[in-house]
Amino acid sequence: MGPQAGPSNLSKAKKPKGKDKKPINAGKIKKTTEKQRVVELEKAAVEFVAAPDLKSFNDLPISEFTKRGLKKAFFKEMTDIQAKSLPETLALPVGVPPR
């Protein structure tokens, strides 16, 4: 075995700085953020206490996408049956069938 090529001074050899960390994937951040929003929304729905005069869909703990869709379809005010049933339905934990 003969001499090996390489830096003559090992202490001066270039070491990668901060390259051990993987780059942050924007898609992964978006998924994590979306999951956090869903968890927060589920918690808000379970803890939601409806006011007796509840009429607007905007007052419900539903996603912004749902609110936007309702608005595009010109649904702003709930019917009496919706105002009574939706808060109770939203309060059910995920995966629990209604009674």
PDB file of N, CA and C in Angstrom:
ATOM      1  N   MET A   1       0.826  -1.173   0.000  1.00  0.00           N
ATOM      2  CA  MET A   1       0.000   0.000   0.000  1.00  0.00           C
ATOM      3  C   MET A   1       0.876   1.244   0.000  1.00  0.00           C
ATOM      4  N   GLY A   2       0.665   2.074  -1.007  1.00  0.00           N
ATOM      5  CA  GLY A   2       1.458   3.281  -1.120  1.00  0.00           C
ATOM      6  C   GLY A   2       0.732   4.467  -0.515  1.00  0.00           C
ATOM      7  N   PRO A   3       1.305   5.619  -0.666  1.00  0.00           N
ATOM      8  CA  PRO A   3       0.672   6.818  -0.136  1.00  0.00           C
ATOM      9  C   PRO A   3      -0.677   7.073  -0.821  1.00  0.00           C
ATOM     10  N   GLN A   4      -1.576   7.616  -0.061  1.00  0.00           N
ATOM     11  CA  GLN A   4      -2.913   7.899  -0.581  1.00  0.00           C
ATOM     12  C   GLN A   4      -3.044   9.387  -0.875  1.00  0.00           C
ATOM     13  N   ALA A   5      -3.781   9.700  -1.917  1.00  0.00           N
ATOM     14  CA  ALA A   5      -4.005  11.097  -2.271  1.00  0.00           C
ATOM     15  C   ALA A   5      -5.032  11.687  -1.328  1.00  0.00           C
ATOM     16  N   GLY A   6      -4.931  12.959  -1.074  1.00  0.00           N
ATOM     17  CA  GLY A   6      -5.881  13.614  -0.195  1.00  0.00           C
ATOM     18  C   GLY A   6      -5.267  14.862   0.380  1.00  0.00           C
ATOM     19  N   PRO A   7      -6.000  15.568   1.210  1.00  0.00           N
ATOM     20  CA  PRO A   7      -5.448  16.789   1.797  1.00  0.00           C
ATOM     21  C   PRO A   7      -4.277  16.454   2.704  1.00  0.00           C
ATOM     22  N   SER A   8      -3.268  17.303   2.621  1.00  0.00           N
ATOM     23  CA  SER A   8      -2.092  17.044   3.441  1.00  0.00           C
ATOM     24  C   SER A   8      -2.334  17.370   4.901  1.00  0.00           C
ATOM     25  N   ASN A   9      -3.260  18.253   5.157  1.00  0.00           N
ATOM     26  CA  ASN A   9      -3.562  18.613   6.528  1.00  0.00           C
ATOM     27  C   ASN A   9      -5.038  18.302   6.762  1.00  0.00           C
ATOM     28  N   LEU A  10      -5.331  17.265   7.496  1.00  0.00           N
ATOM     29  CA  LEU A  10      -6.709  16.830   7.702  1.00  0.00           C
ATOM     30  C   LEU A  10      -7.553  17.854   8.447  1.00  0.00           C
ATOM     31  N   SER A  11      -6.938  18.660   9.286  1.00  0.00           N
ATOM     32  CA  SER A  11      -7.717  19.639  10.042  1.00  0.00           C
ATOM     33  C   SER A  11      -8.221  20.763   9.135  1.00  0.00           C
ATOM     34  N   LYS A  12      -7.560  20.984   7.993  1.00  0.00           N
ATOM     35  CA  LYS A  12      -7.991  22.018   7.062  1.00  0.00           C
ATOM     36  C   LYS A  12      -8.909  21.469   5.973  1.00  0.00           C
ATOM     37  N   ALA A  13      -9.162  20.204   6.007  1.00  0.00           N
ATOM     38  CA  ALA A  13     -10.042  19.610   4.999  1.00  0.00           C
ATOM     39  C   ALA A  13     -11.430  20.225   5.127  1.00  0.00           C
ATOM     40  N   LYS A  14     -12.033  20.490   3.988  1.00  0.00           N
ATOM     41  CA  LYS A  14     -13.357  21.122   4.008  1.00  0.00           C
ATOM     42  C   LYS A  14     -14.386  20.141   4.546  1.00  0.00           C
ATOM     43  N   LYS A  15     -15.107  20.602   5.498  1.00  0.00           N
ATOM     44  CA  LYS A  15     -16.186  19.807   6.075  1.00  0.00           C
ATOM     45  C   LYS A  15     -17.498  20.467   5.678  1.00  0.00           C
ATOM     46  N   PRO A  16     -18.479  19.683   5.301  1.00  0.00           N
ATOM     47  CA  PRO A  16     -19.768  20.288   4.940  1.00  0.00           C
ATOM     48  C   PRO A  16     -20.410  20.939   6.160  1.00  0.00           C
ATOM     49  N   LYS A  17     -20.809  22.178   5.987  1.00  0.00           N
ATOM     50  CA  LYS A  17     -21.437  22.906   7.089  1.00  0.00           C
ATOM     51  C   LYS A  17     -22.944  22.887   6.898  1.00  0.00           C
ATOM     52  N   GLY A  18     -23.627  22.313   7.845  1.00  0.00           N
ATOM     53  CA  GLY A  18     -25.082  22.322   7.808  1.00  0.00           C
ATOM     54  C   GLY A  18     -25.679  21.476   6.698  1.00  0.00           C
ATOM     55  N   LYS A  19     -24.899  20.668   6.061  1.00  0.00           N
ATOM     56  CA  LYS A  19     -25.411  19.857   4.960  1.00  0.00           C
ATOM     57  C   LYS A  19     -26.011  18.545   5.447  1.00  0.00           C
ATOM     58  N   ASP A  20     -25.870  18.266   6.725  1.00  0.00           N
ATOM     59  CA  ASP A  20     -26.439  17.036   7.261  1.00  0.00           C
ATOM     60  C   ASP A  20     -27.956  17.108   7.295  1.00  0.00           C
ATOM     61  N   LYS A  21     -28.496  18.319   7.387  1.00  0.00           N
ATOM     62  CA  LYS A  21     -29.940  18.485   7.458  1.00  0.00           C
ATOM     63  C   LYS A  21     -30.531  18.360   6.064  1.00  0.00           C
ATOM     64  N   LYS A  22     -31.682  17.722   5.999  1.00  0.00           N
ATOM     65  CA  LYS A  22     -32.375  17.596   4.723  1.00  0.00           C
ATOM     66  C   LYS A  22     -33.108  18.901   4.434  1.00  0.00           C
ATOM     67  N   PRO A  23     -33.207  19.271   3.169  1.00  0.00           N
ATOM     68  CA  PRO A  23     -33.957  20.493   2.857  1.00  0.00           C
ATOM     69  C   PRO A  23     -35.433  20.329   3.202  1.00  0.00           C
ATOM     70  N   ILE A  24     -36.055  21.417   3.595  1.00  0.00           N
ATOM     71  CA  ILE A  24     -37.463  21.381   3.979  1.00  0.00           C
ATOM     72  C   ILE A  24     -38.304  21.332   2.717  1.00  0.00           C
ATOM     73  N   ASN A  25     -39.196  20.380   2.673  1.00  0.00           N
ATOM     74  CA  ASN A  25     -40.066  20.193   1.526  1.00  0.00           C
ATOM     75  C   ASN A  25     -41.330  21.030   1.722  1.00  0.00           C
ATOM     76  N   ALA A  26     -41.611  21.926   0.793  1.00  0.00           N
ATOM     77  CA  ALA A  26     -42.783  22.808   0.904  1.00  0.00           C
ATOM     78  C   ALA A  26     -44.079  22.005   0.944  1.00  0.00           C
ATOM     79  N   GLY A  27     -44.137  20.913   0.192  1.00  0.00           N
ATOM     80  CA  GLY A  27     -45.338  20.069   0.189  1.00  0.00           C
ATOM     81  C   GLY A  27     -45.592  19.444   1.549  1.00  0.00           C
ATOM     82  N   LYS A  28     -44.520  19.047   2.211  1.00  0.00           N
ATOM     83  CA  LYS A  28     -44.652  18.441   3.536  1.00  0.00           C
ATOM     84  C   LYS A  28     -45.145  19.472   4.551  1.00  0.00           C
ATOM     85  N   ILE A  29     -44.637  20.683   4.452  1.00  0.00           N
ATOM     86  CA  ILE A  29     -45.080  21.753   5.351  1.00  0.00           C
ATOM     87  C   ILE A  29     -46.554  22.032   5.129  1.00  0.00           C
ATOM     88  N   LYS A  30     -46.960  22.060   3.864  1.00  0.00           N
ATOM     89  CA  LYS A  30     -48.362  22.333   3.543  1.00  0.00           C
ATOM     90  C   LYS A  30     -49.264  21.244   4.117  1.00  0.00           C
ATOM     91  N   LYS A  31     -48.840  19.975   3.993  1.00  0.00           N
ATOM     92  CA  LYS A  31     -49.631  18.868   4.540  1.00  0.00           C
ATOM     93  C   LYS A  31     -49.730  18.978   6.057  1.00  0.00           C
ATOM     94  N   THR A  32     -48.621  19.286   6.698  1.00  0.00           N
ATOM     95  CA  THR A  32     -48.610  19.414   8.155  1.00  0.00           C
ATOM     96  C   THR A  32     -49.517  20.553   8.592  1.00  0.00           C
ATOM     97  N   THR A  33     -49.433  21.670   7.901  1.00  0.00           N
ATOM     98  CA  THR A  33     -50.274  22.814   8.230  1.00  0.00           C
ATOM     99  C   THR A  33     -51.743  22.468   8.042  1.00  0.00           C
ATOM    100  N   GLU A  34     -52.055  21.779   6.954  1.00  0.00           N
ATOM    101  CA  GLU A  34     -53.443  21.389   6.686  1.00  0.00           C
ATOM    102  C   GLU A  34     -53.944  20.428   7.765  1.00  0.00           C
ATOM    103  N   LYS A  35     -53.112  19.491   8.182  1.00  0.00           N
ATOM    104  CA  LYS A  35     -53.505  18.555   9.244  1.00  0.00           C
ATOM    105  C   LYS A  35     -53.766  19.307  10.550  1.00  0.00           C
ATOM    106  N   GLN A  36     -52.925  20.290  10.849  1.00  0.00           N
ATOM    107  CA  GLN A  36     -53.114  21.087  12.062  1.00  0.00           C
ATOM    108  C   GLN A  36     -54.434  21.849  12.007  1.00  0.00           C
ATOM    109  N   ARG A  37     -54.744  22.399  10.824  1.00  0.00           N
ATOM    110  CA  ARG A  37     -56.011  23.121  10.669  1.00  0.00           C
ATOM    111  C   ARG A  37     -57.198  22.197  10.892  1.00  0.00           C
ATOM    112  N   VAL A  38     -57.117  20.989  10.361  1.00  0.00           N
ATOM    113  CA  VAL A  38     -58.213  20.026  10.523  1.00  0.00           C
ATOM    114  C   VAL A  38     -58.386  19.670  11.992  1.00  0.00           C
ATOM    115  N   VAL A  39     -57.290  19.421  12.692  1.00  0.00           N
ATOM    116  CA  VAL A  39     -57.357  19.085  14.114  1.00  0.00           C
ATOM    117  C   VAL A  39     -57.969  20.240  14.905  1.00  0.00           C
ATOM    118  N   GLU A  40     -57.533  21.457  14.614  1.00  0.00           N
ATOM    119  CA  GLU A  40     -58.070  22.631  15.316  1.00  0.00           C
ATOM    120  C   GLU A  40     -59.553  22.819  15.013  1.00  0.00           C
ATOM    121  N   LEU A  41     -59.942  22.564  13.762  1.00  0.00           N
ATOM    122  CA  LEU A  41     -61.338  22.708  13.361  1.00  0.00           C
ATOM    123  C   LEU A  41     -62.209  21.654  14.037  1.00  0.00           C
ATOM    124  N   GLU A  42     -61.710  20.414  14.117  1.00  0.00           N
ATOM    125  CA  GLU A  42     -62.457  19.354  14.808  1.00  0.00           C
ATOM    126  C   GLU A  42     -62.639  19.702  16.282  1.00  0.00           C
ATOM    127  N   LYS A  43     -61.590  20.225  16.890  1.00  0.00           N
ATOM    128  CA  LYS A  43     -61.672  20.609  18.304  1.00  0.00           C
ATOM    129  C   LYS A  43     -62.692  21.731  18.492  1.00  0.00           C
ATOM    130  N   ALA A  44     -62.645  22.730  17.605  1.00  0.00           N
ATOM    131  CA  ALA A  44     -63.590  23.847  17.690  1.00  0.00           C
ATOM    132  C   ALA A  44     -65.024  23.363  17.501  1.00  0.00           C
ATOM    133  N   ALA A  45     -65.218  22.390  16.615  1.00  0.00           N
ATOM    134  CA  ALA A  45     -66.567  21.869  16.366  1.00  0.00           C
ATOM    135  C   ALA A  45     -67.098  21.129  17.585  1.00  0.00           C
ATOM    136  N   VAL A  46     -66.255  20.323  18.217  1.00  0.00           N
ATOM    137  CA  VAL A  46     -66.686  19.556  19.390  1.00  0.00           C
ATOM    138  C   VAL A  46     -66.989  20.496  20.557  1.00  0.00           C
ATOM    139  N   GLU A  47     -66.224  21.571  20.694  1.00  0.00           N
ATOM    140  CA  GLU A  47     -66.405  22.508  21.806  1.00  0.00           C
ATOM    141  C   GLU A  47     -67.443  23.597  21.508  1.00  0.00           C
ATOM    142  N   PHE A  48     -67.974  23.616  20.293  1.00  0.00           N
ATOM    143  CA  PHE A  48     -68.887  24.677  19.865  1.00  0.00           C
ATOM    144  C   PHE A  48     -70.195  24.640  20.646  1.00  0.00           C
ATOM    145  N   VAL A  49     -70.588  25.797  21.148  1.00  0.00           N
ATOM    146  CA  VAL A  49     -71.878  25.957  21.820  1.00  0.00           C
ATOM    147  C   VAL A  49     -72.667  26.963  20.993  1.00  0.00           C
ATOM    148  N   ALA A  50     -73.763  26.498  20.430  1.00  0.00           N
ATOM    149  CA  ALA A  50     -74.552  27.340  19.536  1.00  0.00           C
ATOM    150  C   ALA A  50     -75.378  28.356  20.310  1.00  0.00           C
ATOM    151  N   ALA A  51     -75.409  29.554  19.795  1.00  0.00           N
ATOM    152  CA  ALA A  51     -76.264  30.601  20.365  1.00  0.00           C
ATOM    153  C   ALA A  51     -77.711  30.299  19.979  1.00  0.00           C
ATOM    154  N   PRO A  52     -78.664  30.661  20.810  1.00  0.00           N
ATOM    155  CA  PRO A  52     -80.073  30.372  20.506  1.00  0.00           C
ATOM    156  C   PRO A  52     -80.556  31.028  19.212  1.00  0.00           C
ATOM    157  N   ASP A  53     -79.953  32.144  18.842  1.00  0.00           N
ATOM    158  CA  ASP A  53     -80.389  32.847  17.633  1.00  0.00           C
ATOM    159  C   ASP A  53     -79.455  32.594  16.438  1.00  0.00           C
ATOM    160  N   LEU A  54     -78.779  31.464  16.426  1.00  0.00           N
ATOM    161  CA  LEU A  54     -77.851  31.101  15.359  1.00  0.00           C
ATOM    162  C   LEU A  54     -78.583  31.008  14.022  1.00  0.00           C
ATOM    163  N   LYS A  55     -78.127  31.742  13.022  1.00  0.00           N
ATOM    164  CA  LYS A  55     -78.761  31.729  11.702  1.00  0.00           C
ATOM    165  C   LYS A  55     -77.757  31.672  10.556  1.00  0.00           C
ATOM    166  N   SER A  56     -76.557  32.179  10.753  1.00  0.00           N
ATOM    167  CA  SER A  56     -75.590  32.311   9.669  1.00  0.00           C
ATOM    168  C   SER A  56     -74.629  31.121   9.621  1.00  0.00           C
ATOM    169  N   PHE A  57     -74.333  30.653   8.403  1.00  0.00           N
ATOM    170  CA  PHE A  57     -73.350  29.584   8.231  1.00  0.00           C
ATOM    171  C   PHE A  57     -71.963  30.051   8.675  1.00  0.00           C
ATOM    172  N   ASN A  58     -71.697  31.335   8.575  1.00  0.00           N
ATOM    173  CA  ASN A  58     -70.391  31.871   8.972  1.00  0.00           C
ATOM    174  C   ASN A  58     -70.129  31.738  10.464  1.00  0.00           C
ATOM    175  N   ASP A  59     -71.165  31.555  11.248  1.00  0.00           N
ATOM    176  CA  ASP A  59     -71.002  31.413  12.697  1.00  0.00           C
ATOM    177  C   ASP A  59     -70.662  29.982  13.111  1.00  0.00           C
ATOM    178  N   LEU A  60     -70.714  29.056  12.168  1.00  0.00           N
ATOM    179  CA  LEU A  60     -70.421  27.654  12.471  1.00  0.00           C
ATOM    180  C   LEU A  60     -68.921  27.384  12.382  1.00  0.00           C
ATOM    181  N   PRO A  61     -68.420  26.425  13.166  1.00  0.00           N
ATOM    182  CA  PRO A  61     -67.006  26.055  13.075  1.00  0.00           C
ATOM    183  C   PRO A  61     -66.790  25.095  11.898  1.00  0.00           C
ATOM    184  N   ILE A  62     -66.834  25.647  10.683  1.00  0.00           N
ATOM    185  CA  ILE A  62     -66.612  24.868   9.465  1.00  0.00           C
ATOM    186  C   ILE A  62     -65.454  25.500   8.709  1.00  0.00           C
ATOM    187  N   SER A  63     -64.862  24.752   7.798  1.00  0.00           N
ATOM    188  CA  SER A  63     -63.675  25.230   7.090  1.00  0.00           C
ATOM    189  C   SER A  63     -63.991  26.426   6.206  1.00  0.00           C
ATOM    190  N   GLU A  64     -62.949  27.165   5.904  1.00  0.00           N
ATOM    191  CA  GLU A  64     -63.100  28.322   5.014  1.00  0.00           C
ATOM    192  C   GLU A  64     -63.526  27.872   3.620  1.00  0.00           C
ATOM    193  N   PHE A  65     -63.081  26.687   3.190  1.00  0.00           N
ATOM    194  CA  PHE A  65     -63.494  26.160   1.890  1.00  0.00           C
ATOM    195  C   PHE A  65     -65.000  25.905   1.875  1.00  0.00           C
ATOM    196  N   THR A  66     -65.511  25.358   2.958  1.00  0.00           N
ATOM    197  CA  THR A  66     -66.950  25.097   3.056  1.00  0.00           C
ATOM    198  C   THR A  66     -67.724  26.407   3.077  1.00  0.00           C
ATOM    199  N   LYS A  67     -67.259  27.357   3.856  1.00  0.00           N
ATOM    200  CA  LYS A  67     -67.927  28.663   3.910  1.00  0.00           C
ATOM    201  C   LYS A  67     -67.932  29.326   2.533  1.00  0.00           C
ATOM    202  N   ARG A  68     -66.805  29.220   1.836  1.00  0.00           N
ATOM    203  CA  ARG A  68     -66.704  29.809   0.501  1.00  0.00           C
ATOM    204  C   ARG A  68     -67.671  29.129  -0.469  1.00  0.00           C
ATOM    205  N   GLY A  69     -67.760  27.796  -0.386  1.00  0.00           N
ATOM    206  CA  GLY A  69     -68.679  27.057  -1.247  1.00  0.00           C
ATOM    207  C   GLY A  69     -70.129  27.412  -0.977  1.00  0.00           C
ATOM    208  N   LEU A  70     -70.481  27.536   0.288  1.00  0.00           N
ATOM    209  CA  LEU A  70     -71.850  27.929   0.642  1.00  0.00           C
ATOM    210  C   LEU A  70     -72.165  29.328   0.113  1.00  0.00           C
ATOM    211  N   LYS A  71     -71.193  30.219   0.224  1.00  0.00           N
ATOM    212  CA  LYS A  71     -71.404  31.589  -0.248  1.00  0.00           C
ATOM    213  C   LYS A  71     -71.576  31.619  -1.766  1.00  0.00           C
ATOM    214  N   LYS A  72     -70.756  30.823  -2.483  1.00  0.00           N
ATOM    215  CA  LYS A  72     -70.869  30.769  -3.942  1.00  0.00           C
ATOM    216  C   LYS A  72     -72.221  30.220  -4.384  1.00  0.00           C
ATOM    217  N   ALA A  73     -72.779  29.327  -3.574  1.00  0.00           N
ATOM    218  CA  ALA A  73     -74.086  28.740  -3.885  1.00  0.00           C
ATOM    219  C   ALA A  73     -75.224  29.598  -3.328  1.00  0.00           C
ATOM    220  N   PHE A  74     -74.881  30.791  -2.831  1.00  0.00           N
ATOM    221  CA  PHE A  74     -75.848  31.755  -2.302  1.00  0.00           C
ATOM    222  C   PHE A  74     -76.573  31.263  -1.047  1.00  0.00           C
ATOM    223  N   PHE A  75     -75.895  30.435  -0.257  1.00  0.00           N
ATOM    224  CA  PHE A  75     -76.447  30.011   1.029  1.00  0.00           C
ATOM    225  C   PHE A  75     -75.783  30.858   2.110  1.00  0.00           C
ATOM    226  N   LYS A  76     -76.546  31.749   2.702  1.00  0.00           N
ATOM    227  CA  LYS A  76     -76.016  32.613   3.754  1.00  0.00           C
ATOM    228  C   LYS A  76     -76.691  32.324   5.085  1.00  0.00           C
ATOM    229  N   GLU A  77     -77.987  32.171   5.051  1.00  0.00           N
ATOM    230  CA  GLU A  77     -78.779  31.927   6.257  1.00  0.00           C
ATOM    231  C   GLU A  77     -79.224  30.465   6.296  1.00  0.00           C
ATOM    232  N   MET A  78     -79.184  29.882   7.485  1.00  0.00           N
ATOM    233  CA  MET A  78     -79.641  28.503   7.655  1.00  0.00           C
ATOM    234  C   MET A  78     -81.156  28.474   7.829  1.00  0.00           C
ATOM    235  N   THR A  79     -81.741  27.346   7.445  1.00  0.00           N
ATOM    236  CA  THR A  79     -83.157  27.143   7.748  1.00  0.00           C
ATOM    237  C   THR A  79     -83.259  26.803   9.228  1.00  0.00           C
ATOM    238  N   ASP A  80     -84.462  26.770   9.764  1.00  0.00           N
ATOM    239  CA  ASP A  80     -84.640  26.448  11.187  1.00  0.00           C
ATOM    240  C   ASP A  80     -84.090  25.065  11.514  1.00  0.00           C
ATOM    241  N   ILE A  81     -84.374  24.086  10.647  1.00  0.00           N
ATOM    242  CA  ILE A  81     -83.905  22.721  10.922  1.00  0.00           C
ATOM    243  C   ILE A  81     -82.375  22.648  10.837  1.00  0.00           C
ATOM    244  N   GLN A  82     -81.765  23.374   9.906  1.00  0.00           N
ATOM    245  CA  GLN A  82     -80.302  23.405   9.818  1.00  0.00           C
ATOM    246  C   GLN A  82     -79.700  24.055  11.060  1.00  0.00           C
ATOM    247  N   ALA A  83     -80.305  25.130  11.507  1.00  0.00           N
ATOM    248  CA  ALA A  83     -79.796  25.841  12.689  1.00  0.00           C
ATOM    249  C   ALA A  83     -79.862  24.971  13.936  1.00  0.00           C
ATOM    250  N   LYS A  84     -80.825  24.050  13.980  1.00  0.00           N
ATOM    251  CA  LYS A  84     -80.944  23.164  15.145  1.00  0.00           C
ATOM    252  C   LYS A  84     -80.069  21.925  15.018  1.00  0.00           C
ATOM    253  N   SER A  85     -79.938  21.396  13.798  1.00  0.00           N
ATOM    254  CA  SER A  85     -79.249  20.114  13.639  1.00  0.00           C
ATOM    255  C   SER A  85     -77.746  20.236  13.385  1.00  0.00           C
ATOM    256  N   LEU A  86     -77.314  21.225  12.637  1.00  0.00           N
ATOM    257  CA  LEU A  86     -75.894  21.320  12.295  1.00  0.00           C
ATOM    258  C   LEU A  86     -74.972  21.477  13.504  1.00  0.00           C
ATOM    259  N   PRO A  87     -75.274  22.331  14.475  1.00  0.00           N
ATOM    260  CA  PRO A  87     -74.376  22.417  15.639  1.00  0.00           C
ATOM    261  C   PRO A  87     -74.248  21.086  16.385  1.00  0.00           C
ATOM    262  N   GLU A  88     -75.337  20.346  16.494  1.00  0.00           N
ATOM    263  CA  GLU A  88     -75.273  19.048  17.174  1.00  0.00           C
ATOM    264  C   GLU A  88     -74.468  18.049  16.358  1.00  0.00           C
ATOM    265  N   THR A  89     -74.646  18.072  15.052  1.00  0.00           N
ATOM    266  CA  THR A  89     -73.907  17.161  14.185  1.00  0.00           C
ATOM    267  C   THR A  89     -72.422  17.480  14.209  1.00  0.00           C
ATOM    268  N   LEU A  90     -72.077  18.743  14.179  1.00  0.00           N
ATOM    269  CA  LEU A  90     -70.669  19.139  14.217  1.00  0.00           C
ATOM    270  C   LEU A  90     -70.012  18.773  15.544  1.00  0.00           C
ATOM    271  N   ALA A  91     -70.783  18.713  16.607  1.00  0.00           N
ATOM    272  CA  ALA A  91     -70.239  18.411  17.933  1.00  0.00           C
ATOM    273  C   ALA A  91     -69.899  16.937  18.108  1.00  0.00           C
ATOM    274  N   LEU A  92     -70.363  16.081  17.189  1.00  0.00           N
ATOM    275  CA  LEU A  92     -70.050  14.659  17.293  1.00  0.00           C
ATOM    276  C   LEU A  92     -68.581  14.433  16.976  1.00  0.00           C
ATOM    277  N   PRO A  93     -67.898  13.609  17.765  1.00  0.00           N
ATOM    278  CA  PRO A  93     -66.511  13.283  17.436  1.00  0.00           C
ATOM    279  C   PRO A  93     -66.451  12.567  16.087  1.00  0.00           C
ATOM    280  N   VAL A  94     -65.346  12.720  15.395  1.00  0.00           N
ATOM    281  CA  VAL A  94     -65.169  12.106  14.085  1.00  0.00           C
ATOM    282  C   VAL A  94     -65.278  10.589  14.213  1.00  0.00           C
ATOM    283  N   GLY A  95     -66.046   9.989  13.328  1.00  0.00           N
ATOM    284  CA  GLY A  95     -66.203   8.540  13.312  1.00  0.00           C
ATOM    285  C   GLY A  95     -67.347   8.027  14.156  1.00  0.00           C
ATOM    286  N   VAL A  96     -68.025   8.886  14.889  1.00  0.00           N
ATOM    287  CA  VAL A  96     -69.158   8.471  15.717  1.00  0.00           C
ATOM    288  C   VAL A  96     -70.433   8.707  14.919  1.00  0.00           C
ATOM    289  N   PRO A  97     -71.209   7.663  14.667  1.00  0.00           N
ATOM    290  CA  PRO A  97     -72.443   7.858  13.900  1.00  0.00           C
ATOM    291  C   PRO A  97     -73.478   8.629  14.714  1.00  0.00           C
ATOM    292  N   PRO A  98     -74.311   9.428  14.026  1.00  0.00           N
ATOM    293  CA  PRO A  98     -75.358  10.165  14.746  1.00  0.00           C
ATOM    294  C   PRO A  98     -76.387   9.223  15.334  1.00  0.00           C
ATOM    295  N   ARG A  99     -77.064   9.651  16.385  1.00  0.00           N
ATOM    296  CA  ARG A  99     -78.068   8.811  17.039  1.00  0.00           C
ATOM    297  C   ARG A  99     -79.370   8.867  16.322  1.00  0.00           C
TER     298      ARG A  99
END
